[in-house]
């Protein structure tokens, strides 16, 4: 039996190096990882051809172990995009086609970094980089709720399952924002 498993894994990885396979599957890099390839993972289009080629296999395996969630490359390339009327000041930028509809804020204080500073919108699994009060951190809808809202849950995922753990949220303290605001007013 283990032989078949190794064969299937090898067949899936055919045509892709282990470092890129790890990036597509949200895994740690292999010990012998090509560091230049690993650094290039932040470039938006670097992994797109690999994702398009291996998407079905990766998502099928992912949903067996983590139903109701999606890997980071799904969020990067396949998540629902913002409607043209919702793009605001980003509508005429090269980023317009990349901006996804973010997960809904349920409670907490603060604002996304791109609304506070001159930052490009950034997110981690659909949660924006955030400025706010660490004592009253924001809570966002779960990935499962997001997928359900957009009618992206597959039939096997629609059955009742325990909610997956939320991904950590990066919060910049509001004091830093106030200090930066005061500096811009003084200058």
N, C-alpha and C. Protein backbone atom coordinates (compact mmCIF):
# COMPACT_ATOMS: atom_id res chain seq x y z
N UNK A 1 0.81 -1.21 0.00
CA UNK A 1 0.00 0.00 0.00
C UNK A 1 0.85 1.27 0.00
N UNK A 2 1.88 1.39 0.86
CA UNK A 2 2.70 2.61 0.83
C UNK A 2 3.33 2.87 -0.54
N UNK A 3 3.62 1.80 -1.28
CA UNK A 3 4.22 1.99 -2.60
C UNK A 3 3.28 2.78 -3.51
N UNK A 4 1.98 2.43 -3.47
CA UNK A 4 1.00 3.16 -4.29
C UNK A 4 0.95 4.62 -3.89
N UNK A 5 1.00 4.87 -2.61
CA UNK A 5 0.95 6.25 -2.12
C UNK A 5 2.13 7.05 -2.64
N UNK A 6 3.33 6.45 -2.55
CA UNK A 6 4.51 7.15 -3.06
C UNK A 6 4.38 7.41 -4.56
N UNK A 7 3.83 6.44 -5.30
CA UNK A 7 3.68 6.61 -6.72
C UNK A 7 2.72 7.76 -7.03
N UNK A 8 1.58 7.83 -6.30
CA UNK A 8 0.63 8.91 -6.55
C UNK A 8 1.26 10.27 -6.26
N UNK A 9 2.03 10.36 -5.16
CA UNK A 9 2.68 11.62 -4.81
C UNK A 9 3.67 12.01 -5.91
N UNK A 10 4.45 11.03 -6.38
CA UNK A 10 5.41 11.31 -7.43
C UNK A 10 4.69 11.76 -8.70
N UNK A 11 3.57 11.12 -9.02
CA UNK A 11 2.82 11.49 -10.22
C UNK A 11 2.28 12.91 -10.11
N UNK A 12 1.82 13.29 -8.93
CA UNK A 12 1.29 14.64 -8.73
C UNK A 12 2.38 15.68 -8.91
N UNK A 13 3.56 15.37 -8.43
CA UNK A 13 4.65 16.34 -8.45
C UNK A 13 5.40 16.36 -9.77
N UNK A 14 5.02 15.50 -10.69
CA UNK A 14 5.73 15.43 -11.95
C UNK A 14 5.70 16.80 -12.64
N UNK A 15 6.85 17.28 -13.02
CA UNK A 15 6.93 18.56 -13.71
C UNK A 15 7.04 19.75 -12.79
N UNK A 16 7.23 19.52 -11.51
CA UNK A 16 7.36 20.64 -10.58
C UNK A 16 8.39 20.27 -9.51
N UNK A 17 9.24 21.22 -9.16
CA UNK A 17 10.27 20.92 -8.17
C UNK A 17 9.66 20.94 -6.75
N UNK A 18 10.30 20.28 -5.78
CA UNK A 18 9.75 20.16 -4.43
C UNK A 18 9.54 21.51 -3.73
N UNK A 19 10.37 22.49 -4.04
CA UNK A 19 10.22 23.80 -3.40
C UNK A 19 8.91 24.46 -3.82
N UNK A 20 8.64 24.46 -5.11
CA UNK A 20 7.39 25.06 -5.59
C UNK A 20 6.17 24.26 -5.12
N UNK A 21 6.32 22.94 -5.09
CA UNK A 21 5.22 22.10 -4.61
C UNK A 21 4.89 22.46 -3.15
N UNK A 22 5.90 22.68 -2.35
CA UNK A 22 5.70 23.06 -0.95
C UNK A 22 4.99 24.41 -0.86
N UNK A 23 5.38 25.37 -1.70
CA UNK A 23 4.75 26.69 -1.68
C UNK A 23 3.28 26.60 -2.07
N UNK A 24 2.96 25.81 -3.07
CA UNK A 24 1.58 25.67 -3.52
C UNK A 24 0.69 25.01 -2.47
N UNK A 25 1.28 24.19 -1.62
CA UNK A 25 0.53 23.43 -0.62
C UNK A 25 0.65 23.99 0.79
N UNK A 26 1.16 25.20 0.94
CA UNK A 26 1.34 25.83 2.26
C UNK A 26 2.16 24.95 3.21
N UNK A 27 3.19 24.34 2.67
CA UNK A 27 4.07 23.49 3.47
C UNK A 27 5.39 24.22 3.72
N UNK A 28 6.14 23.74 4.69
CA UNK A 28 7.47 24.28 4.93
C UNK A 28 8.38 23.88 3.77
N UNK A 29 9.38 24.70 3.47
CA UNK A 29 10.27 24.34 2.36
C UNK A 29 11.07 23.09 2.70
N UNK A 30 11.40 22.27 1.70
CA UNK A 30 12.24 21.11 1.97
C UNK A 30 13.63 21.56 2.42
N UNK A 31 14.35 20.67 3.06
CA UNK A 31 15.68 21.01 3.57
C UNK A 31 16.62 21.49 2.47
N UNK A 32 16.47 20.92 1.30
CA UNK A 32 17.35 21.29 0.19
C UNK A 32 16.68 22.32 -0.74
N UNK A 33 15.81 23.15 -0.18
CA UNK A 33 15.04 24.12 -0.98
C UNK A 33 15.95 25.10 -1.70
N UNK A 34 15.54 25.44 -2.90
CA UNK A 34 16.22 26.46 -3.67
C UNK A 34 15.80 27.81 -3.08
N UNK A 35 16.72 28.47 -2.40
CA UNK A 35 16.37 29.70 -1.70
C UNK A 35 15.90 30.82 -2.64
N UNK A 36 16.42 30.85 -3.86
CA UNK A 36 16.01 31.87 -4.81
C UNK A 36 14.55 31.66 -5.24
N UNK A 37 14.17 30.41 -5.42
CA UNK A 37 12.78 30.10 -5.76
C UNK A 37 11.88 30.47 -4.59
N UNK A 38 12.33 30.16 -3.37
CA UNK A 38 11.52 30.45 -2.18
C UNK A 38 11.33 31.96 -2.01
N UNK A 39 12.36 32.75 -2.29
CA UNK A 39 12.24 34.20 -2.19
C UNK A 39 11.30 34.76 -3.25
N UNK A 40 11.21 34.10 -4.38
CA UNK A 40 10.39 34.57 -5.48
C UNK A 40 8.90 34.30 -5.27
N UNK A 41 8.53 33.61 -4.18
CA UNK A 41 7.13 33.26 -3.95
C UNK A 41 6.25 34.49 -3.76
N UNK A 42 6.83 35.62 -3.37
CA UNK A 42 6.04 36.82 -3.15
C UNK A 42 5.67 37.51 -4.45
N UNK A 43 6.39 37.25 -5.52
CA UNK A 43 6.06 37.85 -6.80
C UNK A 43 4.74 37.27 -7.28
N UNK A 44 3.78 38.12 -7.60
CA UNK A 44 2.41 37.69 -7.87
C UNK A 44 2.31 36.62 -8.95
N UNK A 45 2.97 36.82 -10.06
CA UNK A 45 2.83 35.89 -11.19
C UNK A 45 3.80 34.71 -11.16
N UNK A 46 4.70 34.66 -10.18
CA UNK A 46 5.72 33.62 -10.16
C UNK A 46 5.14 32.21 -10.10
N UNK A 47 4.09 32.03 -9.31
CA UNK A 47 3.54 30.69 -9.13
C UNK A 47 2.26 30.44 -9.92
N UNK A 48 1.78 31.43 -10.64
CA UNK A 48 0.52 31.28 -11.36
C UNK A 48 0.50 30.10 -12.33
N UNK A 49 1.51 29.92 -13.19
CA UNK A 49 1.45 28.77 -14.11
C UNK A 49 1.43 27.43 -13.37
N UNK A 50 2.16 27.32 -12.26
CA UNK A 50 2.18 26.09 -11.48
C UNK A 50 0.83 25.86 -10.80
N UNK A 51 0.24 26.94 -10.29
CA UNK A 51 -1.07 26.83 -9.65
C UNK A 51 -2.12 26.39 -10.68
N UNK A 52 -2.11 26.98 -11.85
CA UNK A 52 -3.09 26.61 -12.87
C UNK A 52 -2.95 25.14 -13.27
N UNK A 53 -1.73 24.67 -13.33
CA UNK A 53 -1.50 23.28 -13.74
C UNK A 53 -1.89 22.28 -12.65
N UNK A 54 -1.64 22.61 -11.39
CA UNK A 54 -1.83 21.64 -10.29
C UNK A 54 -3.00 21.96 -9.37
N UNK A 55 -3.79 22.97 -9.70
CA UNK A 55 -4.89 23.43 -8.84
C UNK A 55 -5.84 22.30 -8.43
N UNK A 56 -6.34 21.53 -9.38
CA UNK A 56 -7.33 20.50 -9.08
C UNK A 56 -6.79 19.46 -8.10
N UNK A 57 -5.59 19.02 -8.33
CA UNK A 57 -4.98 18.02 -7.44
C UNK A 57 -4.77 18.58 -6.05
N UNK A 58 -4.26 19.78 -5.97
CA UNK A 58 -3.98 20.40 -4.68
C UNK A 58 -5.26 20.62 -3.90
N UNK A 59 -6.29 21.17 -4.55
CA UNK A 59 -7.55 21.42 -3.84
C UNK A 59 -8.23 20.13 -3.42
N UNK A 60 -8.16 19.09 -4.24
CA UNK A 60 -8.76 17.80 -3.87
C UNK A 60 -8.09 17.25 -2.62
N UNK A 61 -6.77 17.28 -2.57
CA UNK A 61 -6.04 16.81 -1.38
C UNK A 61 -6.31 17.71 -0.18
N UNK A 62 -6.34 19.02 -0.42
CA UNK A 62 -6.53 20.00 0.66
C UNK A 62 -7.88 19.78 1.35
N UNK A 63 -8.92 19.59 0.57
CA UNK A 63 -10.26 19.49 1.13
C UNK A 63 -10.50 18.19 1.88
N UNK A 64 -9.66 17.18 1.63
CA UNK A 64 -9.77 15.93 2.40
C UNK A 64 -9.32 16.14 3.83
N UNK A 65 -8.32 16.98 4.02
CA UNK A 65 -7.76 17.18 5.37
C UNK A 65 -8.21 18.47 6.02
N UNK A 66 -8.57 19.49 5.23
CA UNK A 66 -8.95 20.80 5.79
C UNK A 66 -10.20 21.33 5.12
N UNK A 67 -11.33 20.62 5.24
CA UNK A 67 -12.54 21.09 4.56
C UNK A 67 -12.99 22.44 5.13
N UNK A 68 -13.56 23.26 4.26
CA UNK A 68 -14.02 24.58 4.68
C UNK A 68 -12.94 25.64 4.68
N UNK A 69 -11.76 25.30 4.17
CA UNK A 69 -10.67 26.27 4.06
C UNK A 69 -10.06 26.14 2.67
N UNK A 70 -9.16 27.07 2.36
CA UNK A 70 -8.45 27.02 1.09
C UNK A 70 -6.99 27.41 1.34
N UNK A 71 -6.06 26.88 0.51
CA UNK A 71 -4.65 27.24 0.65
C UNK A 71 -4.40 28.69 0.23
N UNK A 72 -3.27 29.22 0.61
CA UNK A 72 -2.95 30.62 0.33
C UNK A 72 -2.94 30.93 -1.16
N UNK A 73 -2.55 29.98 -2.01
CA UNK A 73 -2.54 30.25 -3.44
C UNK A 73 -3.96 30.37 -4.00
N UNK A 74 -4.92 29.69 -3.40
CA UNK A 74 -6.31 29.88 -3.80
C UNK A 74 -6.72 31.31 -3.51
N UNK A 75 -6.36 31.80 -2.32
CA UNK A 75 -6.69 33.18 -1.95
C UNK A 75 -6.01 34.16 -2.90
N UNK A 76 -4.82 33.83 -3.34
CA UNK A 76 -4.08 34.72 -4.24
C UNK A 76 -4.69 34.74 -5.63
N UNK A 77 -5.02 33.57 -6.17
CA UNK A 77 -5.40 33.50 -7.57
C UNK A 77 -6.88 33.24 -7.85
N UNK A 78 -7.61 32.60 -6.96
CA UNK A 78 -8.97 32.18 -7.27
C UNK A 78 -10.07 32.83 -6.43
N UNK A 79 -9.73 33.52 -5.37
CA UNK A 79 -10.75 34.12 -4.51
C UNK A 79 -11.55 35.15 -5.31
N UNK A 80 -12.83 35.35 -4.94
CA UNK A 80 -13.65 36.33 -5.65
C UNK A 80 -13.01 37.73 -5.64
N UNK A 81 -12.99 38.36 -6.79
CA UNK A 81 -12.41 39.69 -6.94
C UNK A 81 -13.43 40.77 -6.62
N UNK A 82 -12.92 41.95 -6.26
CA UNK A 82 -13.81 43.08 -6.00
C UNK A 82 -14.50 43.51 -7.28
N UNK A 83 -15.73 43.94 -7.14
CA UNK A 83 -16.48 44.48 -8.28
C UNK A 83 -15.84 45.83 -8.66
N UNK A 84 -15.90 46.21 -9.93
CA UNK A 84 -15.28 47.48 -10.36
C UNK A 84 -15.73 48.68 -9.53
N UNK A 85 -16.99 48.72 -9.12
CA UNK A 85 -17.47 49.87 -8.34
C UNK A 85 -16.92 49.88 -6.91
N UNK A 86 -16.35 48.77 -6.45
CA UNK A 86 -15.80 48.70 -5.08
C UNK A 86 -14.30 48.94 -5.03
N UNK A 87 -13.66 49.16 -6.16
CA UNK A 87 -12.21 49.31 -6.19
C UNK A 87 -11.74 50.66 -5.66
N UNK A 88 -12.57 51.68 -5.71
CA UNK A 88 -12.21 52.99 -5.18
C UNK A 88 -10.95 53.54 -5.81
N UNK A 89 -10.04 54.03 -4.96
CA UNK A 89 -8.82 54.67 -5.47
C UNK A 89 -7.86 53.70 -6.15
N UNK A 90 -8.14 52.40 -6.05
CA UNK A 90 -7.26 51.40 -6.66
C UNK A 90 -7.72 51.02 -8.07
N UNK A 91 -8.81 51.62 -8.54
CA UNK A 91 -9.41 51.20 -9.81
C UNK A 91 -8.49 51.38 -11.02
N UNK A 92 -7.60 52.36 -10.98
CA UNK A 92 -6.73 52.60 -12.14
C UNK A 92 -5.29 52.15 -11.89
N UNK A 93 -5.12 51.20 -11.00
CA UNK A 93 -3.78 50.69 -10.72
C UNK A 93 -3.62 49.31 -11.32
N UNK A 94 -2.37 48.86 -11.40
CA UNK A 94 -2.11 47.51 -11.90
C UNK A 94 -2.65 46.45 -10.94
N UNK A 95 -2.91 46.85 -9.70
CA UNK A 95 -3.40 45.91 -8.70
C UNK A 95 -4.90 45.64 -8.80
N UNK A 96 -5.63 46.41 -9.56
CA UNK A 96 -7.10 46.33 -9.58
C UNK A 96 -7.60 44.91 -9.81
N UNK A 97 -7.00 44.19 -10.74
CA UNK A 97 -7.48 42.83 -11.05
C UNK A 97 -7.09 41.82 -9.98
N UNK A 98 -6.20 42.19 -9.07
CA UNK A 98 -5.74 41.27 -8.03
C UNK A 98 -6.48 41.43 -6.70
N UNK A 99 -7.23 42.50 -6.55
CA UNK A 99 -7.86 42.78 -5.26
C UNK A 99 -9.07 41.88 -5.04
N UNK A 100 -9.02 41.15 -3.95
CA UNK A 100 -10.11 40.21 -3.65
C UNK A 100 -11.11 40.84 -2.69
N UNK A 101 -12.28 40.25 -2.65
CA UNK A 101 -13.26 40.65 -1.65
C UNK A 101 -12.79 40.02 -0.34
N UNK A 102 -12.56 40.85 0.66
CA UNK A 102 -12.01 40.38 1.93
C UNK A 102 -13.08 39.75 2.80
N UNK A 103 -12.64 39.02 3.79
CA UNK A 103 -13.58 38.43 4.74
C UNK A 103 -14.22 39.54 5.57
N UNK A 104 -15.47 39.36 5.96
CA UNK A 104 -16.22 40.39 6.68
C UNK A 104 -15.73 40.56 8.11
N UNK A 105 -15.68 41.82 8.53
CA UNK A 105 -15.35 42.17 9.90
C UNK A 105 -16.59 41.95 10.76
N UNK A 106 -16.44 41.18 11.84
CA UNK A 106 -17.57 40.90 12.72
C UNK A 106 -17.60 41.84 13.92
N UNK A 107 -16.45 42.09 14.52
CA UNK A 107 -16.37 43.01 15.65
C UNK A 107 -14.91 43.41 15.86
N UNK A 108 -14.69 44.37 16.75
CA UNK A 108 -13.34 44.85 17.03
C UNK A 108 -13.12 46.24 16.47
N UNK A 109 -11.97 46.81 16.80
CA UNK A 109 -11.66 48.18 16.40
C UNK A 109 -10.48 48.21 15.45
N UNK A 110 -10.44 49.27 14.65
CA UNK A 110 -9.32 49.49 13.75
C UNK A 110 -9.75 49.61 12.30
N UNK A 111 -8.74 49.68 11.44
CA UNK A 111 -8.95 49.82 10.00
C UNK A 111 -7.87 49.06 9.27
N UNK A 112 -8.15 48.66 8.02
CA UNK A 112 -7.09 48.04 7.22
C UNK A 112 -5.95 49.04 6.99
N UNK A 113 -4.74 48.54 6.93
CA UNK A 113 -3.56 49.40 6.72
C UNK A 113 -3.69 50.26 5.48
N UNK A 114 -4.23 49.71 4.40
CA UNK A 114 -4.30 50.49 3.15
C UNK A 114 -5.28 51.65 3.25
N UNK A 115 -6.17 51.65 4.23
CA UNK A 115 -7.07 52.79 4.42
C UNK A 115 -6.44 53.86 5.30
N UNK A 116 -5.46 53.47 6.09
CA UNK A 116 -4.84 54.39 7.04
C UNK A 116 -3.57 55.02 6.45
N UNK A 117 -2.76 54.21 5.82
CA UNK A 117 -1.49 54.67 5.27
C UNK A 117 -1.48 54.49 3.75
N UNK A 118 -0.45 54.96 3.13
CA UNK A 118 -0.32 54.82 1.68
C UNK A 118 0.28 53.45 1.37
N UNK A 119 -0.44 52.41 1.74
CA UNK A 119 -0.03 51.03 1.51
C UNK A 119 -0.93 50.43 0.45
N UNK A 120 -0.39 49.51 -0.31
CA UNK A 120 -1.23 48.74 -1.22
C UNK A 120 -2.01 47.74 -0.38
N UNK A 121 -3.24 47.44 -0.77
CA UNK A 121 -4.02 46.46 -0.01
C UNK A 121 -3.30 45.12 0.05
N UNK A 122 -3.22 44.58 1.23
CA UNK A 122 -2.58 43.28 1.43
C UNK A 122 -3.46 42.46 2.37
N UNK A 123 -3.44 41.17 2.15
CA UNK A 123 -4.25 40.29 3.00
C UNK A 123 -3.53 38.97 3.21
N UNK A 124 -3.98 38.25 4.21
CA UNK A 124 -3.49 36.91 4.52
C UNK A 124 -4.73 36.05 4.70
N UNK A 125 -4.97 35.15 3.76
CA UNK A 125 -6.17 34.31 3.78
C UNK A 125 -7.44 35.15 3.85
N UNK A 126 -7.46 36.27 3.15
CA UNK A 126 -8.65 37.11 3.07
C UNK A 126 -8.82 38.09 4.22
N UNK A 127 -7.85 38.15 5.14
CA UNK A 127 -7.90 39.10 6.25
C UNK A 127 -6.87 40.19 5.97
N UNK A 128 -7.28 41.47 5.96
CA UNK A 128 -6.33 42.53 5.63
C UNK A 128 -5.31 42.77 6.73
N UNK A 129 -4.14 43.31 6.32
CA UNK A 129 -3.19 43.81 7.32
C UNK A 129 -3.93 44.92 8.06
N UNK A 130 -3.81 44.99 9.37
CA UNK A 130 -4.74 45.75 10.19
C UNK A 130 -4.04 46.70 11.16
N UNK A 131 -4.61 47.89 11.32
CA UNK A 131 -4.21 48.85 12.34
C UNK A 131 -5.31 48.87 13.37
N UNK A 132 -4.98 48.77 14.64
CA UNK A 132 -6.04 48.80 15.63
C UNK A 132 -5.53 48.64 17.04
N UNK A 133 -6.45 48.39 17.93
CA UNK A 133 -6.18 48.24 19.35
C UNK A 133 -5.97 46.76 19.67
N UNK A 134 -4.75 46.37 20.10
CA UNK A 134 -4.52 44.96 20.43
C UNK A 134 -5.41 44.46 21.57
N UNK A 135 -5.95 45.39 22.39
CA UNK A 135 -6.85 44.98 23.46
C UNK A 135 -8.26 44.71 22.96
N UNK A 136 -8.61 45.22 21.79
CA UNK A 136 -9.91 44.96 21.18
C UNK A 136 -9.69 44.57 19.72
N UNK A 137 -9.03 43.40 19.50
CA UNK A 137 -8.70 43.02 18.13
C UNK A 137 -9.94 42.69 17.32
N UNK A 138 -9.85 42.89 16.03
CA UNK A 138 -11.00 42.58 15.17
C UNK A 138 -11.18 41.07 15.03
N UNK A 139 -12.40 40.68 14.78
CA UNK A 139 -12.73 39.30 14.46
C UNK A 139 -13.36 39.28 13.09
N UNK A 140 -12.91 38.36 12.27
CA UNK A 140 -13.43 38.25 10.91
C UNK A 140 -14.18 36.93 10.75
N UNK A 141 -15.06 36.90 9.75
CA UNK A 141 -15.77 35.66 9.47
C UNK A 141 -14.77 34.56 9.15
N UNK A 142 -15.15 33.32 9.40
CA UNK A 142 -14.27 32.19 9.12
C UNK A 142 -14.17 31.97 7.62
N UNK A 143 -13.19 31.21 7.22
CA UNK A 143 -13.05 30.87 5.81
C UNK A 143 -14.30 30.13 5.33
N UNK A 144 -14.80 29.25 6.17
CA UNK A 144 -15.99 28.48 5.81
C UNK A 144 -17.18 29.41 5.57
N UNK A 145 -17.38 30.40 6.43
CA UNK A 145 -18.48 31.35 6.26
C UNK A 145 -18.29 32.17 4.97
N UNK A 146 -17.06 32.55 4.68
CA UNK A 146 -16.75 33.29 3.46
C UNK A 146 -17.10 32.44 2.23
N UNK A 147 -16.65 31.18 2.24
CA UNK A 147 -16.92 30.29 1.12
C UNK A 147 -18.41 30.04 0.95
N UNK A 148 -19.11 29.91 2.07
CA UNK A 148 -20.55 29.69 2.02
C UNK A 148 -21.27 30.91 1.45
N UNK A 149 -20.85 32.10 1.88
CA UNK A 149 -21.45 33.35 1.40
C UNK A 149 -21.29 33.50 -0.11
N UNK A 150 -20.16 33.05 -0.62
CA UNK A 150 -19.90 33.16 -2.06
C UNK A 150 -20.31 31.91 -2.83
N UNK A 151 -20.98 30.98 -2.13
CA UNK A 151 -21.44 29.72 -2.75
C UNK A 151 -20.29 28.94 -3.38
N UNK A 152 -19.18 28.86 -2.65
CA UNK A 152 -17.99 28.15 -3.14
C UNK A 152 -17.72 26.85 -2.39
N UNK A 153 -18.58 26.51 -1.43
CA UNK A 153 -18.40 25.24 -0.71
C UNK A 153 -18.77 24.09 -1.64
N UNK A 154 -17.97 23.06 -1.63
CA UNK A 154 -18.26 21.87 -2.41
C UNK A 154 -19.24 20.99 -1.63
N UNK A 155 -19.94 20.08 -2.29
CA UNK A 155 -20.94 19.26 -1.59
C UNK A 155 -20.40 18.56 -0.35
N UNK A 156 -19.18 18.03 -0.42
CA UNK A 156 -18.61 17.34 0.74
C UNK A 156 -18.34 18.29 1.90
N UNK A 157 -18.15 19.58 1.60
CA UNK A 157 -17.87 20.56 2.65
C UNK A 157 -19.13 21.12 3.29
N UNK A 158 -20.28 20.87 2.68
CA UNK A 158 -21.52 21.44 3.19
C UNK A 158 -22.04 20.74 4.43
N UNK A 159 -21.58 19.52 4.68
CA UNK A 159 -22.02 18.84 5.89
C UNK A 159 -21.48 19.57 7.12
N UNK A 160 -22.08 19.36 8.24
CA UNK A 160 -21.69 20.06 9.46
C UNK A 160 -20.31 19.56 9.91
N UNK A 161 -19.38 20.49 10.03
CA UNK A 161 -18.04 20.16 10.51
C UNK A 161 -17.62 21.22 11.51
N UNK A 162 -16.63 20.89 12.32
CA UNK A 162 -16.10 21.87 13.27
C UNK A 162 -15.40 22.97 12.48
N UNK A 163 -15.57 24.20 12.96
CA UNK A 163 -14.91 25.33 12.29
C UNK A 163 -13.39 25.19 12.45
N UNK A 164 -12.65 25.41 11.38
CA UNK A 164 -11.19 25.36 11.47
C UNK A 164 -10.66 26.53 12.30
N UNK A 165 -9.46 26.37 12.79
CA UNK A 165 -8.85 27.45 13.58
C UNK A 165 -8.60 28.65 12.69
N UNK A 166 -8.83 29.88 13.22
CA UNK A 166 -8.56 31.07 12.42
C UNK A 166 -7.06 31.29 12.27
N UNK A 167 -6.70 31.94 11.20
CA UNK A 167 -5.29 32.29 11.00
C UNK A 167 -4.96 33.50 11.86
N UNK A 168 -3.72 33.62 12.31
CA UNK A 168 -3.36 34.76 13.16
C UNK A 168 -3.52 36.08 12.42
N UNK A 169 -3.87 37.10 13.15
CA UNK A 169 -4.10 38.42 12.60
C UNK A 169 -2.95 39.34 12.98
N UNK A 170 -2.40 40.05 12.01
CA UNK A 170 -1.32 41.01 12.29
C UNK A 170 -1.95 42.36 12.57
N UNK A 171 -1.72 42.89 13.77
CA UNK A 171 -2.30 44.18 14.16
C UNK A 171 -1.19 45.15 14.49
N UNK A 172 -1.23 46.31 13.88
CA UNK A 172 -0.34 47.41 14.24
C UNK A 172 -1.07 48.26 15.27
N UNK A 173 -0.42 48.62 16.40
CA UNK A 173 -1.11 49.41 17.42
C UNK A 173 -1.59 50.76 16.90
N UNK A 174 -2.75 51.17 17.38
CA UNK A 174 -3.35 52.44 16.94
C UNK A 174 -2.46 53.62 17.31
N UNK A 175 -1.67 53.50 18.40
CA UNK A 175 -0.78 54.60 18.80
C UNK A 175 0.21 54.92 17.68
N UNK A 176 0.69 53.90 17.00
CA UNK A 176 1.63 54.10 15.89
C UNK A 176 0.94 54.88 14.77
N UNK A 177 -0.30 54.57 14.51
CA UNK A 177 -1.07 55.27 13.49
C UNK A 177 -1.25 56.74 13.88
N UNK A 178 -1.61 57.01 15.15
CA UNK A 178 -1.79 58.38 15.62
C UNK A 178 -0.48 59.16 15.50
N UNK A 179 0.62 58.51 15.87
CA UNK A 179 1.92 59.18 15.79
C UNK A 179 2.24 59.54 14.34
N UNK A 180 1.96 58.63 13.41
CA UNK A 180 2.24 58.90 12.00
C UNK A 180 1.32 59.99 11.46
N UNK A 181 0.09 60.00 11.91
CA UNK A 181 -0.86 61.03 11.49
C UNK A 181 -0.40 62.40 11.97
N UNK A 182 0.04 62.47 13.23
CA UNK A 182 0.51 63.74 13.80
C UNK A 182 1.76 64.24 13.06
N UNK A 183 2.62 63.30 12.68
CA UNK A 183 3.84 63.68 11.94
C UNK A 183 3.47 64.27 10.57
N UNK A 184 2.49 63.68 9.91
CA UNK A 184 2.11 64.19 8.59
C UNK A 184 1.44 65.56 8.69
N UNK A 185 0.70 65.82 9.76
CA UNK A 185 0.07 67.12 9.95
C UNK A 185 1.12 68.20 10.27
N UNK A 186 2.15 67.80 11.04
CA UNK A 186 3.20 68.75 11.43
C UNK A 186 4.08 69.13 10.24
N UNK A 187 4.27 68.18 9.31
CA UNK A 187 5.18 68.38 8.18
C UNK A 187 4.53 69.08 7.08
